[in-house]
């Protein structure tokens, strides 16, 4: 699968060219989350891996409010990708990356201090450039009294270990060889959701292995509103029903018709969670399922409709 060269604008390009060659490039797509970027950069500056061994590439993806930090650390640069979609932005970052390894995370995440050292330490113990490594994504509430949507998002989370057991991983915390990404032609930039699973599956079909490393964690804030919850649900459902093979799209359409019993069971059996939290998870998931049914009807009856970001 061959991708066109991404279109972008480089901020501080002269400084980028003159930097020492890093081992790893951290690639972060940014769409209207510039207010969260300083916290991410602070966590990256606190990495146990020396700053000289990695660079950070922030890729703006058409933000309506483009407000990058005025003062950037020496190993941070900003690109702009005009093609909509986070996977197009990740391709732009990868194309301009100097590192042999690409670490992906999101603009609203914060990395544990040993995140990069842990990921790179795992591949050094493995089989060279045949490894993909996924770390844990731990959800947290930013408020001391989480509302129902935060509770739901904490319970739903991003179950990276489960994903890896099924052969894929979320790009909120994923390390891949740059050579592999080039070999596969990058992420499928036509997708607004599911491009990470698609890439991992294509990589595994080429003989690459995928590993889970729970101690290499990033922290993701729980969504706080219904609008945020349905924005994610809309993006995921669009990726399931509008992309991939016909067989895959039929599978997801049929699966959407049935209640999410697996999720209900996971919430109800969540160890360490109160009865209230478990009930909230089931109730909000039921509302999300109802929304997904309506969204599926829209998608299947509107051939030109694209999933929203």
Protein backbone atom coordinates (compact mmCIF):
# COMPACT_ATOMS: atom_id res chain seq x y z
CA UNK A 1 0.00 0.00 0.00
CA UNK A 2 1.76 3.18 -1.16
CA UNK A 3 1.01 6.54 0.40
CA UNK A 4 1.59 9.95 -1.14
CA UNK A 5 4.27 12.12 0.46
CA UNK A 6 2.54 14.12 3.21
CA UNK A 7 2.16 17.87 2.90
CA UNK A 8 3.42 19.84 5.88
CA UNK A 9 5.08 23.01 7.07
CA UNK A 10 8.04 22.79 9.46
CA UNK A 11 8.51 25.26 12.30
CA UNK A 12 12.14 25.99 13.15
CA UNK A 13 13.31 23.76 10.30
CA UNK A 14 16.90 25.02 10.43
CA UNK A 15 17.29 23.96 14.03
CA UNK A 16 15.72 20.57 13.20
CA UNK A 17 18.28 19.89 10.47
CA UNK A 18 21.21 20.69 12.73
CA UNK A 19 20.20 18.47 15.65
CA UNK A 20 22.11 15.33 16.55
CA UNK A 21 20.58 12.11 15.26
CA UNK A 22 18.14 10.77 17.90
CA UNK A 23 17.42 7.11 18.52
CA UNK A 24 13.69 7.66 18.81
CA UNK A 25 11.12 10.13 17.47
CA UNK A 26 7.99 10.77 19.55
CA UNK A 27 5.14 11.63 17.18
CA UNK A 28 2.05 13.41 18.47
CA UNK A 29 -0.89 14.49 16.27
CA UNK A 30 -2.63 17.59 17.63
CA UNK A 31 -6.17 18.63 16.78
CA UNK A 32 -7.46 21.46 18.99
CA UNK A 33 -5.62 20.10 22.05
CA UNK A 34 -2.79 22.64 22.12
CA UNK A 35 -3.78 23.64 25.63
CA UNK A 36 -2.78 20.15 26.82
CA UNK A 37 0.54 20.02 24.99
CA UNK A 38 2.61 21.82 27.68
CA UNK A 39 1.75 19.07 30.23
CA UNK A 40 2.77 16.41 27.71
CA UNK A 41 6.05 18.19 26.96
CA UNK A 42 6.75 18.54 30.68
CA UNK A 43 6.35 14.78 31.10
CA UNK A 44 8.65 14.17 28.13
CA UNK A 45 11.29 16.51 29.54
CA UNK A 46 11.18 14.40 32.72
CA UNK A 47 12.06 11.18 30.87
CA UNK A 48 14.89 9.08 32.26
CA UNK A 49 16.07 8.62 28.67
CA UNK A 50 18.51 11.47 27.87
CA UNK A 51 16.92 14.28 25.90
CA UNK A 52 19.65 13.97 23.26
CA UNK A 53 18.45 10.46 22.41
CA UNK A 54 14.95 11.40 21.29
CA UNK A 55 13.06 14.12 19.47
CA UNK A 56 9.42 15.17 19.74
CA UNK A 57 7.40 15.97 16.62
CA UNK A 58 4.07 17.73 17.18
CA UNK A 59 1.90 17.57 14.07
CA UNK A 60 -0.95 20.07 13.91
CA UNK A 61 -3.83 18.56 11.98
CA UNK A 62 -5.91 21.56 10.98
CA UNK A 63 -6.69 22.92 14.44
CA UNK A 64 -9.14 25.81 14.42
CA UNK A 65 -6.99 27.34 17.16
CA UNK A 66 -3.34 26.73 16.31
CA UNK A 67 -1.51 27.81 19.47
CA UNK A 68 1.76 25.89 19.93
CA UNK A 69 3.91 26.82 22.94
CA UNK A 70 6.05 29.88 22.26
CA UNK A 71 9.13 28.33 23.84
CA UNK A 72 9.91 24.77 22.79
CA UNK A 73 12.68 22.53 24.16
CA UNK A 74 15.58 22.04 21.72
CA UNK A 75 14.46 18.52 20.77
CA UNK A 76 10.88 19.56 19.93
CA UNK A 77 9.57 20.76 16.56
CA UNK A 78 6.17 21.46 15.06
CA UNK A 79 4.84 20.34 11.69
CA UNK A 80 1.51 21.09 10.06
CA UNK A 81 -0.44 18.48 8.11
CA UNK A 82 -3.24 19.76 5.90
CA UNK A 83 -4.79 16.34 5.26
CA UNK A 84 -7.57 15.69 7.82
CA UNK A 85 -7.22 12.74 10.18
CA UNK A 86 -4.79 11.74 12.91
CA UNK A 87 -3.31 8.91 10.82
CA UNK A 88 -2.42 11.34 8.04
CA UNK A 89 -0.76 13.50 10.71
CA UNK A 90 1.16 10.51 12.06
CA UNK A 91 2.36 9.71 8.54
CA UNK A 92 3.59 13.29 8.22
CA UNK A 93 5.50 13.02 11.47
CA UNK A 94 6.97 9.64 10.51
CA UNK A 95 8.08 10.92 7.10
CA UNK A 96 10.13 13.70 8.74
CA UNK A 97 11.31 11.69 11.75
CA UNK A 98 15.05 11.30 12.31
CA UNK A 99 14.84 8.39 14.76
CA UNK A 100 15.04 4.70 13.82
CA UNK A 101 12.17 4.08 16.26
CA UNK A 102 8.83 5.88 16.30
CA UNK A 103 6.93 6.27 19.57
CA UNK A 104 3.31 7.37 19.21
CA UNK A 105 1.16 9.00 21.87
CA UNK A 106 -1.65 11.56 22.04
CA UNK A 107 -1.61 15.27 22.84
CA UNK A 108 -3.77 14.82 25.94
CA UNK A 109 -1.57 12.09 27.42
CA UNK A 110 1.23 12.35 29.96
CA UNK A 111 4.12 9.90 29.91
CA UNK A 112 5.56 8.13 32.94
CA UNK A 113 9.23 9.13 33.52
CA UNK A 114 10.58 5.77 32.30
CA UNK A 115 8.18 5.48 29.35
CA UNK A 116 10.71 5.77 26.52
CA UNK A 117 13.51 3.98 28.37
CA UNK A 118 11.14 1.09 28.99
CA UNK A 119 9.92 0.82 25.41
CA UNK A 120 13.41 1.01 23.94
CA UNK A 121 14.76 -1.35 26.56
CA UNK A 122 12.21 -3.95 25.48
CA UNK A 123 13.20 -3.84 21.81
CA UNK A 124 16.88 -4.08 22.72
CA UNK A 125 16.09 -7.37 24.47
CA UNK A 126 14.03 -8.63 21.53
CA UNK A 127 14.81 -9.36 17.94
CA UNK A 128 15.96 -5.99 16.72
CA UNK A 129 13.64 -4.26 14.28
CA UNK A 130 11.07 -7.07 14.24
CA UNK A 131 9.31 -5.85 17.39
CA UNK A 132 6.37 -3.56 18.01
CA UNK A 133 5.84 -2.65 21.66
CA UNK A 134 2.63 -1.33 23.23
CA UNK A 135 2.58 0.15 26.72
CA UNK A 136 -0.28 0.61 29.17
CA UNK A 137 -2.74 3.49 28.87
CA UNK A 138 -4.05 4.39 32.32
CA UNK A 139 -7.18 6.54 32.54
CA UNK A 140 -7.58 9.08 35.35
CA UNK A 141 -10.13 11.69 36.41
CA UNK A 142 -8.96 15.28 36.52
CA UNK A 143 -11.57 16.17 39.15
CA UNK A 144 -11.78 14.88 42.71
CA UNK A 145 -15.49 14.13 42.23
CA UNK A 146 -15.78 12.44 38.78
CA UNK A 147 -19.06 12.87 36.92
CA UNK A 148 -20.87 9.96 35.24
CA UNK A 149 -19.01 10.39 31.95
CA UNK A 150 -15.60 10.38 33.63
CA UNK A 151 -16.62 7.27 35.58
CA UNK A 152 -17.72 5.58 32.35
CA UNK A 153 -14.53 6.52 30.51
CA UNK A 154 -12.36 5.25 33.36
CA UNK A 155 -14.20 1.92 33.30
CA UNK A 156 -14.17 1.68 29.50
CA UNK A 157 -10.60 2.90 29.27
CA UNK A 158 -8.12 1.83 26.61
CA UNK A 159 -7.50 -1.84 27.52
CA UNK A 160 -4.16 -2.13 25.78
CA UNK A 161 -3.35 -5.58 27.15
CA UNK A 162 -6.62 -6.92 25.75
CA UNK A 163 -5.94 -5.25 22.41
CA UNK A 164 -2.47 -6.79 22.19
CA UNK A 165 -3.91 -10.22 22.94
CA UNK A 166 -6.08 -9.72 19.84
CA UNK A 167 -3.15 -8.65 17.66
CA UNK A 168 -3.27 -4.85 17.66
CA UNK A 169 -2.62 -1.82 19.87
CA UNK A 170 -3.72 1.79 20.29
CA UNK A 171 -1.39 4.55 19.13
CA UNK A 172 -1.85 6.31 22.48
CA UNK A 173 1.18 4.20 23.48
CA UNK A 174 2.93 2.34 20.69
CA UNK A 175 6.55 1.96 19.55
CA UNK A 176 7.35 0.75 16.01
CA UNK A 177 10.45 0.62 13.80
CA UNK A 178 10.49 3.41 11.24
CA UNK A 179 11.71 0.92 8.63
CA UNK A 180 8.56 -1.15 9.20
CA UNK A 181 6.28 1.84 8.73
CA UNK A 182 8.06 2.66 5.49
CA UNK A 183 7.81 -0.96 4.34
CA UNK A 184 4.04 -0.96 4.93
CA UNK A 185 3.47 2.44 3.34
CA UNK A 186 2.45 4.08 6.60
CA UNK A 187 -0.93 4.26 8.27
CA UNK A 188 -4.05 4.15 6.12
CA UNK A 189 -4.63 7.91 5.98
CA UNK A 190 -8.18 7.47 4.68
CA UNK A 191 -9.24 6.21 8.11
CA UNK A 192 -10.36 8.44 10.98
CA UNK A 193 -10.43 5.44 13.35
CA UNK A 194 -8.93 1.96 13.44
CA UNK A 195 -5.77 2.86 11.55
CA UNK A 196 -3.63 1.64 14.44
CA UNK A 197 -5.29 -1.81 14.44
CA UNK A 198 -4.97 -1.98 10.65
CA UNK A 199 -1.24 -1.15 10.80
CA UNK A 200 -0.52 -3.70 13.54
CA UNK A 201 -2.33 -6.45 11.66
CA UNK A 202 -0.50 -5.69 8.44
CA UNK A 203 2.80 -5.69 10.34
CA UNK A 204 2.09 -9.04 11.97
CA UNK A 205 1.18 -10.47 8.57
CA UNK A 206 4.72 -9.49 7.47
CA UNK A 207 6.31 -11.35 10.37
CA UNK A 208 6.62 -8.58 12.94
CA UNK A 209 5.77 -9.36 16.57
CA UNK A 210 3.70 -7.26 18.97
CA UNK A 211 4.44 -7.16 22.71
CA UNK A 212 2.73 -5.61 25.72
CA UNK A 213 4.83 -3.76 28.30
CA UNK A 214 2.61 -2.57 31.20
CA UNK A 215 5.35 -0.67 33.02
CA UNK A 216 5.91 1.68 30.06
CA UNK A 217 2.76 3.69 30.79
CA UNK A 218 1.09 6.87 29.66
CA UNK A 219 -1.79 8.56 31.47
CA UNK A 220 -4.93 9.68 29.66
CA UNK A 221 -7.58 12.02 31.16
CA UNK A 222 -11.14 10.67 31.24
CA UNK A 223 -13.66 12.42 29.00
CA UNK A 224 -15.91 14.71 30.98
CA UNK A 225 -18.96 15.30 28.77
CA UNK A 226 -21.50 13.43 26.66
CA UNK A 227 -20.28 15.37 23.62
CA UNK A 228 -16.75 14.01 24.10
CA UNK A 229 -18.07 10.47 24.55
CA UNK A 230 -20.19 10.53 21.38
CA UNK A 231 -17.45 12.20 19.34
CA UNK A 232 -15.26 9.18 20.02
CA UNK A 233 -18.15 6.75 19.42
CA UNK A 234 -18.95 8.44 16.09
CA UNK A 235 -15.34 8.27 14.94
CA UNK A 236 -14.99 4.60 15.89
CA UNK A 237 -18.29 3.58 14.32
CA UNK A 238 -17.40 5.40 11.11
CA UNK A 239 -14.07 3.59 10.95
CA UNK A 240 -15.78 0.24 11.49
CA UNK A 241 -18.54 0.72 8.92
CA UNK A 242 -16.87 2.78 6.20
CA UNK A 243 -13.37 1.27 6.07
CA UNK A 244 -11.86 -2.16 5.61
CA UNK A 245 -13.14 -5.19 3.76
CA UNK A 246 -16.81 -5.84 3.05
CA UNK A 247 -16.66 -8.79 5.43
CA UNK A 248 -15.31 -6.59 8.21
CA UNK A 249 -17.94 -3.90 7.64
CA UNK A 250 -20.77 -6.45 7.67
CA UNK A 251 -19.36 -7.95 10.88
CA UNK A 252 -19.36 -4.58 12.64
CA UNK A 253 -22.84 -3.71 11.37
CA UNK A 254 -24.24 -6.96 12.75
CA UNK A 255 -22.33 -6.63 16.01
CA UNK A 256 -23.70 -3.12 16.53
CA UNK A 257 -27.25 -4.48 16.43
CA UNK A 258 -26.71 -6.56 19.56
CA UNK A 259 -26.30 -5.23 23.11
CA UNK A 260 -22.65 -4.89 24.24
CA UNK A 261 -22.90 -7.75 26.72
CA UNK A 262 -19.12 -8.17 26.93
CA UNK A 263 -18.72 -4.57 28.08
CA UNK A 264 -21.59 -4.92 30.53
CA UNK A 265 -19.87 -7.94 32.05
CA UNK A 266 -16.52 -6.13 32.23
CA UNK A 267 -18.04 -3.16 34.04
CA UNK A 268 -20.15 -5.28 36.40
CA UNK A 269 -17.17 -7.44 37.36
CA UNK A 270 -14.63 -4.61 37.69
CA UNK A 271 -12.65 -5.41 40.80
CA UNK A 272 -11.97 -2.51 43.13
CA UNK A 273 -14.86 -0.42 41.78
CA UNK A 274 -17.92 0.53 43.81
CA UNK A 275 -21.42 -0.66 42.94
CA UNK A 276 -22.26 2.90 41.91
CA UNK A 277 -19.37 3.04 39.45
CA UNK A 278 -20.37 -0.30 37.94
CA UNK A 279 -23.99 0.79 37.52
CA UNK A 280 -22.92 4.09 35.96
CA UNK A 281 -20.72 2.22 33.48
CA UNK A 282 -23.59 -0.03 32.40
CA UNK A 283 -26.08 2.85 32.15
CA UNK A 284 -23.84 5.14 30.09
CA UNK A 285 -22.80 2.23 27.86
CA UNK A 286 -26.48 1.55 27.14
CA UNK A 287 -26.93 5.17 26.10
CA UNK A 288 -23.80 4.95 23.91
CA UNK A 289 -25.16 1.79 22.27
CA UNK A 290 -28.39 3.60 21.44
CA UNK A 291 -26.39 6.41 19.90
CA UNK A 292 -24.34 3.91 17.88
CA UNK A 293 -27.52 2.39 16.41
CA UNK A 294 -28.67 5.83 15.26
CA UNK A 295 -25.21 6.66 13.90
CA UNK A 296 -25.07 3.36 12.00
CA UNK A 297 -28.41 4.14 10.37
CA UNK A 298 -27.05 7.53 9.26
CA UNK A 299 -23.83 6.02 7.92
CA UNK A 300 -25.52 3.22 6.01
CA UNK A 301 -28.12 5.51 4.43
CA UNK A 302 -25.73 8.36 3.54
CA UNK A 303 -23.09 7.07 1.14
CA UNK A 304 -21.24 10.38 1.10
CA UNK A 305 -21.18 10.81 4.87
CA UNK A 306 -17.74 10.73 6.45
CA UNK A 307 -17.15 9.97 10.13
CA UNK A 308 -16.45 13.12 12.16
CA UNK A 309 -13.14 13.61 13.89
